[in-house]
PDB file of all heavy atoms in Angstrom:
ATOM      1  N   VAL A   1      29.528  14.515   0.923  1.00  0.00           N
ATOM      2  CA  VAL A   1      29.160  13.233   0.326  1.00  0.00           C
ATOM      3  C   VAL A   1      27.982  12.618   1.089  1.00  0.00           C
ATOM      4  O   VAL A   1      27.039  12.084   0.498  1.00  0.00           O
ATOM      5  CB  VAL A   1      30.374  12.276   0.321  1.00  0.00           C
ATOM      6  CG1 VAL A   1      29.959  10.877  -0.131  1.00  0.00           C
ATOM      7  CG2 VAL A   1      31.480  12.827  -0.580  1.00  0.00           C
ATOM      8  N   GLY A   2      28.034  12.721   2.412  1.00  0.00           N
ATOM      9  CA  GLY A   2      26.945  12.176   3.221  1.00  0.00           C
ATOM     10  C   GLY A   2      25.633  12.902   3.010  1.00  0.00           C
ATOM     11  O   GLY A   2      24.569  12.281   2.958  1.00  0.00           O
ATOM     12  N   LYS A   3      25.700  14.236   2.889  1.00  0.00           N
ATOM     13  CA  LYS A   3      24.470  15.001   2.667  1.00  0.00           C
ATOM     14  C   LYS A   3      23.843  14.612   1.330  1.00  0.00           C
ATOM     15  O   LYS A   3      22.610  14.484   1.223  1.00  0.00           O
ATOM     16  CB  LYS A   3      24.773  16.499   2.691  1.00  0.00           C
ATOM     17  CG  LYS A   3      23.630  17.407   2.234  1.00  0.00           C
ATOM     18  CD  LYS A   3      22.407  17.290   3.121  1.00  0.00           C
ATOM     19  CE  LYS A   3      21.195  18.009   2.510  1.00  0.00           C
ATOM     20  NZ  LYS A   3      21.406  19.430   2.296  1.00  0.00           N
ATOM     21  N   ARG A   4      24.651  14.415   0.299  1.00  0.00           N
ATOM     22  CA  ARG A   4      24.103  14.009  -0.993  1.00  0.00           C
ATOM     23  C   ARG A   4      23.397  12.655  -0.875  1.00  0.00           C
ATOM     24  O   ARG A   4      22.335  12.447  -1.473  1.00  0.00           O
ATOM     25  CB  ARG A   4      25.222  13.932  -2.038  1.00  0.00           C
ATOM     26  CG  ARG A   4      24.729  13.462  -3.398  1.00  0.00           C
ATOM     27  CD  ARG A   4      25.817  13.550  -4.434  1.00  0.00           C
ATOM     28  NE  ARG A   4      26.049  14.934  -4.828  1.00  0.00           N
ATOM     29  CZ  ARG A   4      27.247  15.446  -5.123  1.00  0.00           C
ATOM     30  NH1 ARG A   4      28.319  14.682  -5.044  1.00  0.00           N
ATOM     31  NH2 ARG A   4      27.364  16.700  -5.484  1.00  0.00           N
ATOM     32  N   ALA A   5      23.957  11.753  -0.099  1.00  0.00           N
ATOM     33  CA  ALA A   5      23.323  10.439   0.086  1.00  0.00           C
ATOM     34  C   ALA A   5      21.964  10.572   0.766  1.00  0.00           C
ATOM     35  O   ALA A   5      21.065   9.761   0.520  1.00  0.00           O
ATOM     36  CB  ALA A   5      24.238   9.526   0.894  1.00  0.00           C
ATOM     37  N   THR A   6      21.807  11.588   1.622  1.00  0.00           N
ATOM     38  CA  THR A   6      20.503  11.771   2.271  1.00  0.00           C
ATOM     39  C   THR A   6      19.429  12.139   1.258  1.00  0.00           C
ATOM     40  O   THR A   6      18.242  11.856   1.488  1.00  0.00           O
ATOM     41  CB  THR A   6      20.540  12.841   3.369  1.00  0.00           C
ATOM     42  OG1 THR A   6      20.813  14.135   2.793  1.00  0.00           O
ATOM     43  CG2 THR A   6      21.566  12.507   4.435  1.00  0.00           C
ATOM     44  N   LEU A   7      19.813  12.755   0.148  1.00  0.00           N
ATOM     45  CA  LEU A   7      18.826  13.066  -0.886  1.00  0.00           C
ATOM     46  C   LEU A   7      18.286  11.785  -1.507  1.00  0.00           C
ATOM     47  O   LEU A   7      17.090  11.679  -1.813  1.00  0.00           O
ATOM     48  CB  LEU A   7      19.442  13.965  -1.963  1.00  0.00           C
ATOM     49  CG  LEU A   7      20.020  15.306  -1.497  1.00  0.00           C
ATOM     50  CD1 LEU A   7      20.502  16.116  -2.700  1.00  0.00           C
ATOM     51  CD2 LEU A   7      19.002  16.105  -0.696  1.00  0.00           C
ATOM     52  N   TRP A   8      19.158  10.806  -1.700  1.00  0.00           N
ATOM     53  CA  TRP A   8      18.707   9.505  -2.199  1.00  0.00           C
ATOM     54  C   TRP A   8      17.794   8.847  -1.153  1.00  0.00           C
ATOM     55  O   TRP A   8      16.741   8.296  -1.477  1.00  0.00           O
ATOM     56  CB  TRP A   8      19.897   8.576  -2.460  1.00  0.00           C
ATOM     57  CG  TRP A   8      20.941   9.119  -3.374  1.00  0.00           C
ATOM     58  CD1 TRP A   8      20.778  10.067  -4.349  1.00  0.00           C
ATOM     59  CD2 TRP A   8      22.329   8.751  -3.414  1.00  0.00           C
ATOM     60  NE1 TRP A   8      21.978  10.313  -4.980  1.00  0.00           N
ATOM     61  CE2 TRP A   8      22.943   9.519  -4.439  1.00  0.00           C
ATOM     62  CE3 TRP A   8      23.113   7.861  -2.693  1.00  0.00           C
ATOM     63  CZ2 TRP A   8      24.306   9.416  -4.742  1.00  0.00           C
ATOM     64  CZ3 TRP A   8      24.471   7.738  -2.993  1.00  0.00           C
ATOM     65  CH2 TRP A   8      25.041   8.512  -4.011  1.00  0.00           C
ATOM     66  N   MET A   9      18.228   8.938   0.093  1.00  0.00           N
ATOM     67  CA  MET A   9      17.505   8.275   1.172  1.00  0.00           C
ATOM     68  C   MET A   9      16.125   8.873   1.389  1.00  0.00           C
ATOM     69  O   MET A   9      15.166   8.158   1.675  1.00  0.00           O
ATOM     70  CB  MET A   9      18.311   8.355   2.467  1.00  0.00           C
ATOM     71  CG  MET A   9      19.618   7.600   2.438  1.00  0.00           C
ATOM     72  SD  MET A   9      20.593   7.914   3.914  1.00  0.00           S
ATOM     73  CE  MET A   9      19.547   7.150   5.152  1.00  0.00           C
ATOM     74  N   LEU A  10      16.020  10.189   1.274  1.00  0.00           N
ATOM     75  CA  LEU A  10      14.730  10.835   1.501  1.00  0.00           C
ATOM     76  C   LEU A  10      13.678  10.282   0.550  1.00  0.00           C
ATOM     77  O   LEU A  10      12.555   9.963   0.961  1.00  0.00           O
ATOM     78  CB  LEU A  10      14.856  12.343   1.322  1.00  0.00           C
ATOM     79  CG  LEU A  10      13.530  13.125   1.406  1.00  0.00           C
ATOM     80  CD1 LEU A  10      12.890  12.946   2.779  1.00  0.00           C
ATOM     81  CD2 LEU A  10      13.736  14.593   1.080  1.00  0.00           C
ATOM     82  N   GLU A  11      14.036  10.160  -0.720  1.00  0.00           N
ATOM     83  CA  GLU A  11      13.072   9.642  -1.693  1.00  0.00           C
ATOM     84  C   GLU A  11      12.706   8.198  -1.377  1.00  0.00           C
ATOM     85  O   GLU A  11      11.538   7.807  -1.474  1.00  0.00           O
ATOM     86  CB  GLU A  11      13.650   9.772  -3.104  1.00  0.00           C
ATOM     87  CG  GLU A  11      13.865  11.232  -3.514  1.00  0.00           C
ATOM     88  CD  GLU A  11      14.231  11.384  -4.982  1.00  0.00           C
ATOM     89  OE1 GLU A  11      14.455  10.356  -5.650  1.00  0.00           O
ATOM     90  OE2 GLU A  11      14.290  12.531  -5.450  1.00  0.00           O
ATOM     91  N   LEU A  12      13.691   7.397  -0.979  1.00  0.00           N
ATOM     92  CA  LEU A  12      13.413   6.007  -0.633  1.00  0.00           C
ATOM     93  C   LEU A  12      12.552   5.909   0.626  1.00  0.00           C
ATOM     94  O   LEU A  12      11.708   5.023   0.750  1.00  0.00           O
ATOM     95  CB  LEU A  12      14.726   5.244  -0.445  1.00  0.00           C
ATOM     96  CG  LEU A  12      15.541   5.030  -1.728  1.00  0.00           C
ATOM     97  CD1 LEU A  12      16.958   4.574  -1.401  1.00  0.00           C
ATOM     98  CD2 LEU A  12      14.855   3.991  -2.628  1.00  0.00           C
ATOM     99  N   CYS A  13      12.763   6.832   1.562  1.00  0.00           N
ATOM    100  CA  CYS A  13      11.931   6.861   2.771  1.00  0.00           C
ATOM    101  C   CYS A  13      10.483   7.183   2.416  1.00  0.00           C
ATOM    102  O   CYS A  13       9.547   6.586   2.967  1.00  0.00           O
ATOM    103  CB  CYS A  13      12.469   7.889   3.763  1.00  0.00           C
ATOM    104  SG  CYS A  13      13.976   7.374   4.619  1.00  0.00           S
ATOM    105  N   LEU A  14      10.287   8.123   1.501  1.00  0.00           N
ATOM    106  CA  LEU A  14       8.932   8.445   1.064  1.00  0.00           C
ATOM    107  C   LEU A  14       8.273   7.234   0.408  1.00  0.00           C
ATOM    108  O   LEU A  14       7.090   6.954   0.635  1.00  0.00           O
ATOM    109  CB  LEU A  14       8.961   9.628   0.092  1.00  0.00           C
ATOM    110  CG  LEU A  14       9.392  10.983   0.679  1.00  0.00           C
ATOM    111  CD1 LEU A  14       9.542  12.019  -0.429  1.00  0.00           C
ATOM    112  CD2 LEU A  14       8.389  11.464   1.720  1.00  0.00           C
ATOM    113  N   ASP A  15       9.052   6.511  -0.393  1.00  0.00           N
ATOM    114  CA  ASP A  15       8.525   5.291  -1.025  1.00  0.00           C
ATOM    115  C   ASP A  15       8.156   4.246   0.025  1.00  0.00           C
ATOM    116  O   ASP A  15       7.096   3.617  -0.059  1.00  0.00           O
ATOM    117  CB  ASP A  15       9.562   4.696  -1.984  1.00  0.00           C
ATOM    118  CG  ASP A  15       9.925   5.631  -3.122  1.00  0.00           C
ATOM    119  OD1 ASP A  15       9.036   6.358  -3.586  1.00  0.00           O
ATOM    120  OD2 ASP A  15      11.095   5.630  -3.528  1.00  0.00           O
ATOM    121  N   ALA A  16       9.037   4.055   0.997  1.00  0.00           N
ATOM    122  CA  ALA A  16       8.791   3.060   2.038  1.00  0.00           C
ATOM    123  C   ALA A  16       7.557   3.421   2.863  1.00  0.00           C
ATOM    124  O   ALA A  16       6.743   2.552   3.206  1.00  0.00           O
ATOM    125  CB  ALA A  16      10.014   2.923   2.945  1.00  0.00           C
ATOM    126  N   GLN A  17       7.408   4.700   3.170  1.00  0.00           N
ATOM    127  CA  GLN A  17       6.240   5.140   3.934  1.00  0.00           C
ATOM    128  C   GLN A  17       4.958   4.903   3.144  1.00  0.00           C
ATOM    129  O   GLN A  17       3.938   4.457   3.701  1.00  0.00           O
ATOM    130  CB  GLN A  17       6.386   6.616   4.302  1.00  0.00           C
ATOM    131  CG  GLN A  17       7.447   6.874   5.359  1.00  0.00           C
ATOM    132  CD  GLN A  17       7.875   8.329   5.440  1.00  0.00           C
ATOM    133  OE1 GLN A  17       7.482   9.159   4.608  1.00  0.00           O
ATOM    134  NE2 GLN A  17       8.675   8.655   6.425  1.00  0.00           N
ATOM    135  N   ALA A  18       5.000   5.179   1.842  1.00  0.00           N
ATOM    136  CA  ALA A  18       3.814   4.963   1.000  1.00  0.00           C
ATOM    137  C   ALA A  18       3.473   3.481   0.922  1.00  0.00           C
ATOM    138  O   ALA A  18       2.299   3.090   1.027  1.00  0.00           O
ATOM    139  CB  ALA A  18       4.059   5.528  -0.396  1.00  0.00           C
ATOM    140  N   LEU A  19       4.485   2.638   0.748  1.00  0.00           N
ATOM    141  CA  LEU A  19       4.248   1.198   0.643  1.00  0.00           C
ATOM    142  C   LEU A  19       3.789   0.628   1.980  1.00  0.00           C
ATOM    143  O   LEU A  19       2.917  -0.254   2.023  1.00  0.00           O
ATOM    144  CB  LEU A  19       5.515   0.489   0.164  1.00  0.00           C
ATOM    145  CG  LEU A  19       5.396  -1.020  -0.063  1.00  0.00           C
ATOM    146  CD1 LEU A  19       4.264  -1.355  -1.021  1.00  0.00           C
ATOM    147  CD2 LEU A  19       6.715  -1.602  -0.563  1.00  0.00           C
ATOM    148  N   LEU A  20       4.359   1.119   3.071  1.00  0.00           N
ATOM    149  CA  LEU A  20       3.959   0.648   4.394  1.00  0.00           C
ATOM    150  C   LEU A  20       2.489   0.974   4.662  1.00  0.00           C
ATOM    151  O   LEU A  20       1.719   0.117   5.117  1.00  0.00           O
ATOM    152  CB  LEU A  20       4.845   1.290   5.456  1.00  0.00           C
ATOM    153  CG  LEU A  20       4.620   0.867   6.904  1.00  0.00           C
ATOM    154  CD1 LEU A  20       4.842  -0.627   7.079  1.00  0.00           C
ATOM    155  CD2 LEU A  20       5.535   1.656   7.831  1.00  0.00           C
ATOM    156  N   SER A  21       2.089   2.195   4.337  1.00  0.00           N
ATOM    157  CA  SER A  21       0.699   2.600   4.529  1.00  0.00           C
ATOM    158  C   SER A  21      -0.230   1.754   3.662  1.00  0.00           C
ATOM    159  O   SER A  21      -1.291   1.298   4.129  1.00  0.00           O
ATOM    160  CB  SER A  21       0.534   4.087   4.186  1.00  0.00           C
ATOM    161  OG  SER A  21      -0.812   4.480   4.275  1.00  0.00           O
ATOM    162  N   TYR A  22       0.164   1.531   2.419  1.00  0.00           N
ATOM    163  CA  TYR A  22      -0.643   0.716   1.502  1.00  0.00           C
ATOM    164  C   TYR A  22      -0.799  -0.702   2.046  1.00  0.00           C
ATOM    165  O   TYR A  22      -1.907  -1.256   2.061  1.00  0.00           O
ATOM    166  CB  TYR A  22       0.013   0.693   0.129  1.00  0.00           C
ATOM    167  CG  TYR A  22      -0.669  -0.191  -0.891  1.00  0.00           C
ATOM    168  CD1 TYR A  22      -1.655   0.301  -1.731  1.00  0.00           C
ATOM    169  CD2 TYR A  22      -0.327  -1.542  -1.016  1.00  0.00           C
ATOM    170  CE1 TYR A  22      -2.288  -0.521  -2.665  1.00  0.00           C
ATOM    171  CE2 TYR A  22      -0.945  -2.370  -1.933  1.00  0.00           C
ATOM    172  CZ  TYR A  22      -1.936  -1.848  -2.764  1.00  0.00           C
ATOM    173  OH  TYR A  22      -2.546  -2.669  -3.671  1.00  0.00           O
ATOM    174  N   THR A  23       0.305  -1.293   2.482  1.00  0.00           N
ATOM    175  CA  THR A  23       0.289  -2.678   2.941  1.00  0.00           C
ATOM    176  C   THR A  23      -0.551  -2.842   4.203  1.00  0.00           C
ATOM    177  O   THR A  23      -1.296  -3.816   4.349  1.00  0.00           O
ATOM    178  CB  THR A  23       1.730  -3.165   3.204  1.00  0.00           C
ATOM    179  OG1 THR A  23       2.518  -2.970   2.015  1.00  0.00           O
ATOM    180  CG2 THR A  23       1.771  -4.637   3.577  1.00  0.00           C
ATOM    181  N   GLU A  24      -0.422  -1.881   5.118  1.00  0.00           N
ATOM    182  CA  GLU A  24      -1.137  -1.982   6.392  1.00  0.00           C
ATOM    183  C   GLU A  24      -2.646  -1.784   6.228  1.00  0.00           C
ATOM    184  O   GLU A  24      -3.428  -2.239   7.064  1.00  0.00           O
ATOM    185  CB  GLU A  24      -0.590  -0.953   7.381  1.00  0.00           C
ATOM    186  CG  GLU A  24       0.813  -1.276   7.869  1.00  0.00           C
ATOM    187  CD  GLU A  24       1.379  -0.224   8.803  1.00  0.00           C
ATOM    188  OE1 GLU A  24       0.911   0.948   8.744  1.00  0.00           O
ATOM    189  OE2 GLU A  24       2.291  -0.552   9.588  1.00  0.00           O
ATOM    190  N   THR A  25      -3.053  -1.113   5.176  1.00  0.00           N
ATOM    191  CA  THR A  25      -4.482  -0.809   5.002  1.00  0.00           C
ATOM    192  C   THR A  25      -5.115  -1.560   3.829  1.00  0.00           C
ATOM    193  O   THR A  25      -6.291  -1.361   3.533  1.00  0.00           O
ATOM    194  CB  THR A  25      -4.692   0.698   4.788  1.00  0.00           C
ATOM    195  OG1 THR A  25      -3.960   1.125   3.619  1.00  0.00           O
ATOM    196  CG2 THR A  25      -4.211   1.491   5.990  1.00  0.00           C
ATOM    197  N   LEU A  26      -4.347  -2.439   3.172  1.00  0.00           N
ATOM    198  CA  LEU A  26      -4.874  -3.152   2.004  1.00  0.00           C
ATOM    199  C   LEU A  26      -6.074  -4.005   2.402  1.00  0.00           C
ATOM    200  O   LEU A  26      -5.967  -4.869   3.276  1.00  0.00           O
ATOM    201  CB  LEU A  26      -3.780  -4.034   1.392  1.00  0.00           C
ATOM    202  CG  LEU A  26      -4.165  -4.811   0.127  1.00  0.00           C
ATOM    203  CD1 LEU A  26      -4.454  -3.868  -1.029  1.00  0.00           C
ATOM    204  CD2 LEU A  26      -3.053  -5.796  -0.247  1.00  0.00           C
ATOM    205  N   PRO A  27      -7.230  -3.794   1.769  1.00  0.00           N
ATOM    206  CA  PRO A  27      -8.415  -4.580   2.128  1.00  0.00           C
ATOM    207  C   PRO A  27      -8.508  -5.874   1.322  1.00  0.00           C
ATOM    208  O   PRO A  27      -7.879  -6.027   0.281  1.00  0.00           O
ATOM    209  CB  PRO A  27      -9.564  -3.632   1.773  1.00  0.00           C
ATOM    210  CG  PRO A  27      -9.041  -2.867   0.589  1.00  0.00           C
ATOM    211  CD  PRO A  27      -7.547  -2.723   0.807  1.00  0.00           C
ATOM    212  N   PHE A  28      -9.304  -6.775   1.821  1.00  0.00           N
ATOM    213  CA  PHE A  28      -9.597  -8.045   1.155  1.00  0.00           C
ATOM    214  C   PHE A  28     -10.884  -7.877   0.353  1.00  0.00           C
ATOM    215  O   PHE A  28     -11.757  -7.079   0.723  1.00  0.00           O
ATOM    216  CB  PHE A  28      -9.800  -9.121   2.221  1.00  0.00           C
ATOM    217  CG  PHE A  28      -9.413 -10.513   1.806  1.00  0.00           C
ATOM    218  CD1 PHE A  28      -8.213 -10.774   1.162  1.00  0.00           C
ATOM    219  CD2 PHE A  28     -10.245 -11.593   2.104  1.00  0.00           C
ATOM    220  CE1 PHE A  28      -7.846 -12.058   0.815  1.00  0.00           C
ATOM    221  CE2 PHE A  28      -9.894 -12.886   1.764  1.00  0.00           C
ATOM    222  CZ  PHE A  28      -8.689 -13.123   1.114  1.00  0.00           C
ATOM    223  N   LEU A  29     -11.018  -8.622  -0.737  1.00  0.00           N
ATOM    224  CA  LEU A  29     -12.299  -8.635  -1.441  1.00  0.00           C
ATOM    225  C   LEU A  29     -13.354  -9.335  -0.598  1.00  0.00           C
ATOM    226  O   LEU A  29     -14.500  -8.892  -0.518  1.00  0.00           O
ATOM    227  CB  LEU A  29     -12.160  -9.342  -2.794  1.00  0.00           C
ATOM    228  CG  LEU A  29     -13.483  -9.613  -3.536  1.00  0.00           C
ATOM    229  CD1 LEU A  29     -14.177  -8.300  -3.907  1.00  0.00           C
ATOM    230  CD2 LEU A  29     -13.236 -10.469  -4.774  1.00  0.00           C
ATOM    231  N   GLY A  30     -12.944 -10.428   0.049  1.00  0.00           N
ATOM    232  CA  GLY A  30     -13.890 -11.188   0.851  1.00  0.00           C
ATOM    233  C   GLY A  30     -14.803 -12.033  -0.013  1.00  0.00           C
ATOM    234  O   GLY A  30     -14.405 -12.527  -1.074  1.00  0.00           O
ATOM    235  N   VAL A  31     -16.042 -12.212   0.413  1.00  0.00           N
ATOM    236  CA  VAL A  31     -17.022 -13.000  -0.342  1.00  0.00           C
ATOM    237  C   VAL A  31     -18.141 -12.067  -0.803  1.00  0.00           C
ATOM    238  O   VAL A  31     -18.952 -11.615  -0.011  1.00  0.00           O
ATOM    239  CB  VAL A  31     -17.579 -14.175   0.503  1.00  0.00           C
ATOM    240  CG1 VAL A  31     -16.516 -15.236   0.677  1.00  0.00           C
ATOM    241  CG2 VAL A  31     -18.043 -13.712   1.886  1.00  0.00           C
ATOM    242  N   LYS A  32     -18.143 -11.759  -2.087  1.00  0.00           N
ATOM    243  CA  LYS A  32     -19.075 -10.760  -2.601  1.00  0.00           C
ATOM    244  C   LYS A  32     -20.045 -11.306  -3.654  1.00  0.00           C
ATOM    245  O   LYS A  32     -21.003 -10.653  -4.006  1.00  0.00           O
ATOM    246  CB  LYS A  32     -18.292  -9.580  -3.201  1.00  0.00           C
ATOM    247  CG  LYS A  32     -17.474  -8.770  -2.181  1.00  0.00           C
ATOM    248  CD  LYS A  32     -18.355  -8.100  -1.151  1.00  0.00           C
ATOM    249  CE  LYS A  32     -17.598  -7.033  -0.361  1.00  0.00           C
ATOM    250  NZ  LYS A  32     -16.561  -7.595   0.518  1.00  0.00           N
ATOM    251  N   GLY A  33     -19.763 -12.490  -4.195  1.00  0.00           N
ATOM    252  CA  GLY A  33     -20.683 -13.058  -5.175  1.00  0.00           C
ATOM    253  C   GLY A  33     -20.464 -12.543  -6.581  1.00  0.00           C
ATOM    254  O   GLY A  33     -19.528 -11.793  -6.862  1.00  0.00           O
ATOM    255  N   THR A  34     -21.365 -12.923  -7.489  1.00  0.00           N
ATOM    256  CA  THR A  34     -21.132 -12.717  -8.924  1.00  0.00           C
ATOM    257  C   THR A  34     -21.146 -11.253  -9.359  1.00  0.00           C
ATOM    258  O   THR A  34     -20.415 -10.873 -10.268  1.00  0.00           O
ATOM    259  CB  THR A  34     -22.188 -13.487  -9.729  1.00  0.00           C
ATOM    260  OG1 THR A  34     -23.487 -13.085  -9.274  1.00  0.00           O
ATOM    261  CG2 THR A  34     -22.024 -14.978  -9.554  1.00  0.00           C
ATOM    262  N   THR A  35     -21.986 -10.446  -8.754  1.00  0.00           N
ATOM    263  CA  THR A  35     -21.992  -9.016  -9.106  1.00  0.00           C
ATOM    264  C   THR A  35     -21.780  -8.135  -7.882  1.00  0.00           C
ATOM    265  O   THR A  35     -22.059  -6.943  -7.906  1.00  0.00           O
ATOM    266  CB  THR A  35     -23.311  -8.616  -9.793  1.00  0.00           C
ATOM    267  OG1 THR A  35     -24.421  -8.949  -8.938  1.00  0.00           O
ATOM    268  CG2 THR A  35     -23.453  -9.294 -11.149  1.00  0.00           C
ATOM    269  N   GLY A  36     -21.306  -8.734  -6.812  1.00  0.00           N
ATOM    270  CA  GLY A  36     -21.011  -7.972  -5.613  1.00  0.00           C
ATOM    271  C   GLY A  36     -22.169  -7.815  -4.658  1.00  0.00           C
ATOM    272  O   GLY A  36     -22.042  -7.150  -3.623  1.00  0.00           O
ATOM    273  N   THR A  37     -23.317  -8.442  -4.958  1.00  0.00           N
ATOM    274  CA  THR A  37     -24.508  -8.272  -4.113  1.00  0.00           C
ATOM    275  C   THR A  37     -24.609  -9.325  -3.015  1.00  0.00           C
ATOM    276  O   THR A  37     -25.476  -9.226  -2.152  1.00  0.00           O
ATOM    277  CB  THR A  37     -25.780  -8.348  -4.961  1.00  0.00           C
ATOM    278  OG1 THR A  37     -25.906  -9.677  -5.501  1.00  0.00           O
ATOM    279  CG2 THR A  37     -25.751  -7.325  -6.089  1.00  0.00           C
ATOM    280  N   GLN A  38     -23.762 -10.339  -3.072  1.00  0.00           N
ATOM    281  CA  GLN A  38     -23.764 -11.449  -2.105  1.00  0.00           C
ATOM    282  C   GLN A  38     -25.085 -12.236  -2.134  1.00  0.00           C
ATOM    283  O   GLN A  38     -25.461 -12.883  -1.157  1.00  0.00           O
ATOM    284  CB  GLN A  38     -23.486 -10.937  -0.680  1.00  0.00           C
ATOM    285  CG  GLN A  38     -22.121 -10.256  -0.566  1.00  0.00           C
ATOM    286  CD  GLN A  38     -21.885  -9.652   0.802  1.00  0.00           C
ATOM    287  OE1 GLN A  38     -22.707  -8.875   1.277  1.00  0.00           O
ATOM    288  NE2 GLN A  38     -20.765  -9.997   1.422  1.00  0.00           N
ATOM    289  N   ALA A  39     -25.782 -12.176  -3.276  1.00  0.00           N
ATOM    290  CA  ALA A  39     -27.092 -12.832  -3.376  1.00  0.00           C
ATOM    291  C   ALA A  39     -27.009 -14.330  -3.135  1.00  0.00           C
ATOM    292  O   ALA A  39     -27.882 -14.915  -2.463  1.00  0.00           O
ATOM    293  CB  ALA A  39     -27.698 -12.555  -4.757  1.00  0.00           C
ATOM    294  N   SER A  40     -25.965 -14.986  -3.660  1.00  0.00           N
ATOM    295  CA  SER A  40     -25.850 -16.435  -3.493  1.00  0.00           C
ATOM    296  C   SER A  40     -25.689 -16.805  -2.022  1.00  0.00           C
ATOM    297  O   SER A  40     -26.248 -17.804  -1.548  1.00  0.00           O
ATOM    298  CB  SER A  40     -24.669 -16.970  -4.305  1.00  0.00           C
ATOM    299  OG  SER A  40     -23.463 -16.340  -3.908  1.00  0.00           O
ATOM    300  N   PHE A  41     -24.925 -16.018  -1.288  1.00  0.00           N
ATOM    301  CA  PHE A  41     -24.718 -16.299   0.124  1.00  0.00           C
ATOM    302  C   PHE A  41     -25.971 -15.978   0.943  1.00  0.00           C
ATOM    303  O   PHE A  41     -26.284 -16.667   1.921  1.00  0.00           O
ATOM    304  CB  PHE A  41     -23.509 -15.510   0.643  1.00  0.00           C
ATOM    305  CG  PHE A  41     -22.229 -15.911  -0.025  1.00  0.00           C
ATOM    306  CD1 PHE A  41     -21.654 -15.125  -1.010  1.00  0.00           C
ATOM    307  CD2 PHE A  41     -21.607 -17.109   0.307  1.00  0.00           C
ATOM    308  CE1 PHE A  41     -20.481 -15.506  -1.641  1.00  0.00           C
ATOM    309  CE2 PHE A  41     -20.424 -17.503  -0.319  1.00  0.00           C
ATOM    310  CZ  PHE A  41     -19.864 -16.704  -1.297  1.00  0.00           C
TER     311      PHE A  41
END
């Protein structure tokens, strides 16, 4: 029964690792202006 539960856990661990990596590296748009050229700034 415990080994079967690890199959559920493995998939959830993969999801958590993917989300953790995404969250830690998520970039900001910042200030880019109307077409991304920052001309106004």
